[in-house]
C-alpha atoms as a PDB file:
ATOM      1  CA  MET A   1       0.201  -0.088  -0.160  1.00  0.00           C
ATOM      2  CA  GLY A   2       2.630   2.531   0.224  1.00  0.00           C
ATOM      3  CA  GLU A   3       3.693   2.349  -3.033  1.00  0.00           C
ATOM      4  CA  GLU A   4       0.065   3.534  -4.302  1.00  0.00           C
ATOM      5  CA  VAL A   5      -0.010   5.791  -1.386  1.00  0.00           C
ATOM      6  CA  ARG A   6       3.078   7.637  -3.253  1.00  0.00           C
ATOM      7  CA  LYS A   7       1.711   7.590  -6.584  1.00  0.00           C
ATOM      8  CA  VAL A   8      -1.578   8.964  -5.318  1.00  0.00           C
ATOM      9  CA  LEU A   9      -0.083  11.478  -3.099  1.00  0.00           C
ATOM     10  CA  LEU A  10       2.431  12.876  -6.023  1.00  0.00           C
ATOM     11  CA  ARG A  11      -0.196  12.666  -8.592  1.00  0.00           C
ATOM     12  CA  LYS A  12      -2.393  15.013  -6.341  1.00  0.00           C
ATOM     13  CA  LEU A  13       0.194  17.471  -6.092  1.00  0.00           C
ATOM     14  CA  ALA A  14       0.787  17.502  -9.740  1.00  0.00           C
ATOM     15  CA  LYS A  15      -2.393  17.522 -10.753  1.00  0.00           C
ATOM     16  CA  HIS A  16      -3.046  20.997  -8.664  1.00  0.00           C
ATOM     17  CA  GLY A  17       0.012  22.315  -9.900  1.00  0.00           C
ATOM     18  CA  TYR A  18       2.253  22.369  -6.611  1.00  0.00           C
ATOM     19  CA  TRP A  19       5.462  22.660  -8.185  1.00  0.00           C
ATOM     20  CA  GLY A  20       8.448  24.701  -7.063  1.00  0.00           C
ATOM     21  CA  GLY A  21       7.572  28.196  -5.608  1.00  0.00           C
ATOM     22  CA  ARG A  22       3.565  27.202  -5.346  1.00  0.00           C
ATOM     23  CA  HIS A  23       3.712  24.990  -2.145  1.00  0.00           C
ATOM     24  CA  THR A  24       0.493  23.868  -0.090  1.00  0.00           C
ATOM     25  CA  ALA A  25       0.701  22.805   3.714  1.00  0.00           C
ATOM     26  CA  TYR A  26       2.434  19.669   4.999  1.00  0.00           C
ATOM     27  CA  ASP A  27      -0.470  19.039   7.580  1.00  0.00           C
ATOM     28  CA  GLY A  28      -3.003  19.217   5.027  1.00  0.00           C
ATOM     29  CA  LEU A  29      -1.685  16.321   2.634  1.00  0.00           C
ATOM     30  CA  HIS A  30      -3.769  13.539   4.339  1.00  0.00           C
ATOM     31  CA  HIS A  31      -7.181  15.404   2.893  1.00  0.00           C
ATOM     32  CA  GLY A  32      -8.926  13.421   0.541  1.00  0.00           C
ATOM     33  CA  PHE A  33      -7.286  10.263   1.784  1.00  0.00           C
ATOM     34  CA  PRO A  34      -9.160   7.833   4.077  1.00  0.00           C
ATOM     35  CA  LYS A  35      -8.753   8.436   7.799  1.00  0.00           C
ATOM     36  CA  HIS A  36      -6.959   5.259   8.454  1.00  0.00           C
ATOM     37  CA  LEU A  37      -4.267   6.093   6.067  1.00  0.00           C
ATOM     38  CA  ALA A  38      -3.612   9.682   7.373  1.00  0.00           C
ATOM     39  CA  LYS A  39      -0.042   8.557   9.057  1.00  0.00           C
ATOM     40  CA  GLU A  40       1.047   6.353   5.827  1.00  0.00           C
ATOM     41  CA  VAL A  41      -0.006   9.599   3.709  1.00  0.00           C
ATOM     42  CA  LYS A  42       3.044  11.511   6.210  1.00  0.00           C
ATOM     43  CA  GLU A  43       5.322   8.889   6.640  1.00  0.00           C
ATOM     44  CA  ALA A  44       5.357   8.791   2.705  1.00  0.00           C
ATOM     45  CA  ALA A  45       5.684  12.511   2.415  1.00  0.00           C
ATOM     46  CA  ASP A  46       8.709  12.522   4.533  1.00  0.00           C
ATOM     47  CA  GLU A  47      10.173   9.601   2.890  1.00  0.00           C
ATOM     48  CA  LEU A  48       9.960  11.700  -0.380  1.00  0.00           C
ATOM     49  CA  MET A  49      11.379  14.837   1.028  1.00  0.00           C
ATOM     50  CA  LYS A  50      14.379  12.894   1.864  1.00  0.00           C
ATOM     51  CA  GLU A  51      14.605  11.659  -1.307  1.00  0.00           C
ATOM     52  CA  GLY A  52      14.500  15.195  -2.591  1.00  0.00           C
ATOM     53  CA  ILE A  53      11.176  14.466  -4.756  1.00  0.00           C
ATOM     54  CA  LEU A  54       9.044  16.630  -2.472  1.00  0.00           C
ATOM     55  CA  ILE A  55      10.659  20.497  -1.296  1.00  0.00           C
ATOM     56  CA  ALA A  56      10.271  21.547   2.443  1.00  0.00           C
ATOM     57  CA  LYS A  57       9.415  25.185   2.737  1.00  0.00           C
ATOM     58  CA  PRO A  58       9.210  26.202   6.256  1.00  0.00           C
ATOM     59  CA  THR A  59       6.940  29.454   6.822  1.00  0.00           C
ATOM     60  CA  SER A  60       5.363  31.253  10.038  1.00  0.00           C
ATOM     61  CA  TYR A  61       2.494  29.652   9.252  1.00  0.00           C
ATOM     62  CA  GLY A  62       3.842  25.903   9.389  1.00  0.00           C
ATOM     63  CA  LEU A  63       5.736  23.443   7.224  1.00  0.00           C
ATOM     64  CA  HIS A  64       4.707  23.703   3.398  1.00  0.00           C
ATOM     65  CA  VAL A  65       5.856  21.433   0.403  1.00  0.00           C
ATOM     66  CA  SER A  66       6.044  21.271  -3.368  1.00  0.00           C
ATOM     67  CA  LEU A  67       7.216  19.075  -6.037  1.00  0.00           C
ATOM     68  CA  ASN A  68      11.001  19.436  -7.175  1.00  0.00           C
ATOM     69  CA  PRO A  69      10.758  20.545 -10.653  1.00  0.00           C
ATOM     70  CA  LYS A  70      14.465  19.167 -11.040  1.00  0.00           C
ATOM     71  CA  MET A  71      12.751  15.545 -10.659  1.00  0.00           C
ATOM     72  CA  LYS A  72       9.805  16.353 -12.879  1.00  0.00           C
ATOM     73  CA  GLU A  73      10.960  12.773 -15.030  1.00  0.00           C
ATOM     74  CA  ALA A  74      11.291  10.411 -12.149  1.00  0.00           C
ATOM     75  CA  ILE A  75       8.076  11.902 -10.822  1.00  0.00           C
ATOM     76  CA  GLU A  76       6.192  11.474 -13.948  1.00  0.00           C
ATOM     77  CA  LYS A  77       7.688   8.069 -14.098  1.00  0.00           C
ATOM     78  CA  ILE A  78       6.224   7.272 -10.475  1.00  0.00           C
ATOM     79  CA  ILE A  79       2.927   8.294 -11.275  1.00  0.00           C
ATOM     80  CA  GLY A  80       2.319   6.725 -14.378  1.00  0.00           C
ATOM     81  CA  ILE A  81       2.893   9.282 -17.165  1.00  0.00           C
ATOM     82  CA  LEU A  82       5.754   8.342 -18.805  1.00  0.00           C
ATOM     83  CA  GLU A  83       6.424   4.531 -19.281  1.00  0.00           C
END
């Protein structure tokens, strides 16, 4: 299930255009997922940040994240746009 959560999370961020300078709240990443997967979504996001696929942006109102434009090809491969 972990790979599927990563894939859905990346697809969701890409669909909404959260690349580079446009970011969203880390605490809100689990929205749209079933409640029992909230912890798994956070763990997937942490893993993606360690891999450099997600960029962390600390703000005065909390941590925000966006997709790393330099990793666009890898992200598209994960979500299935490129085969």
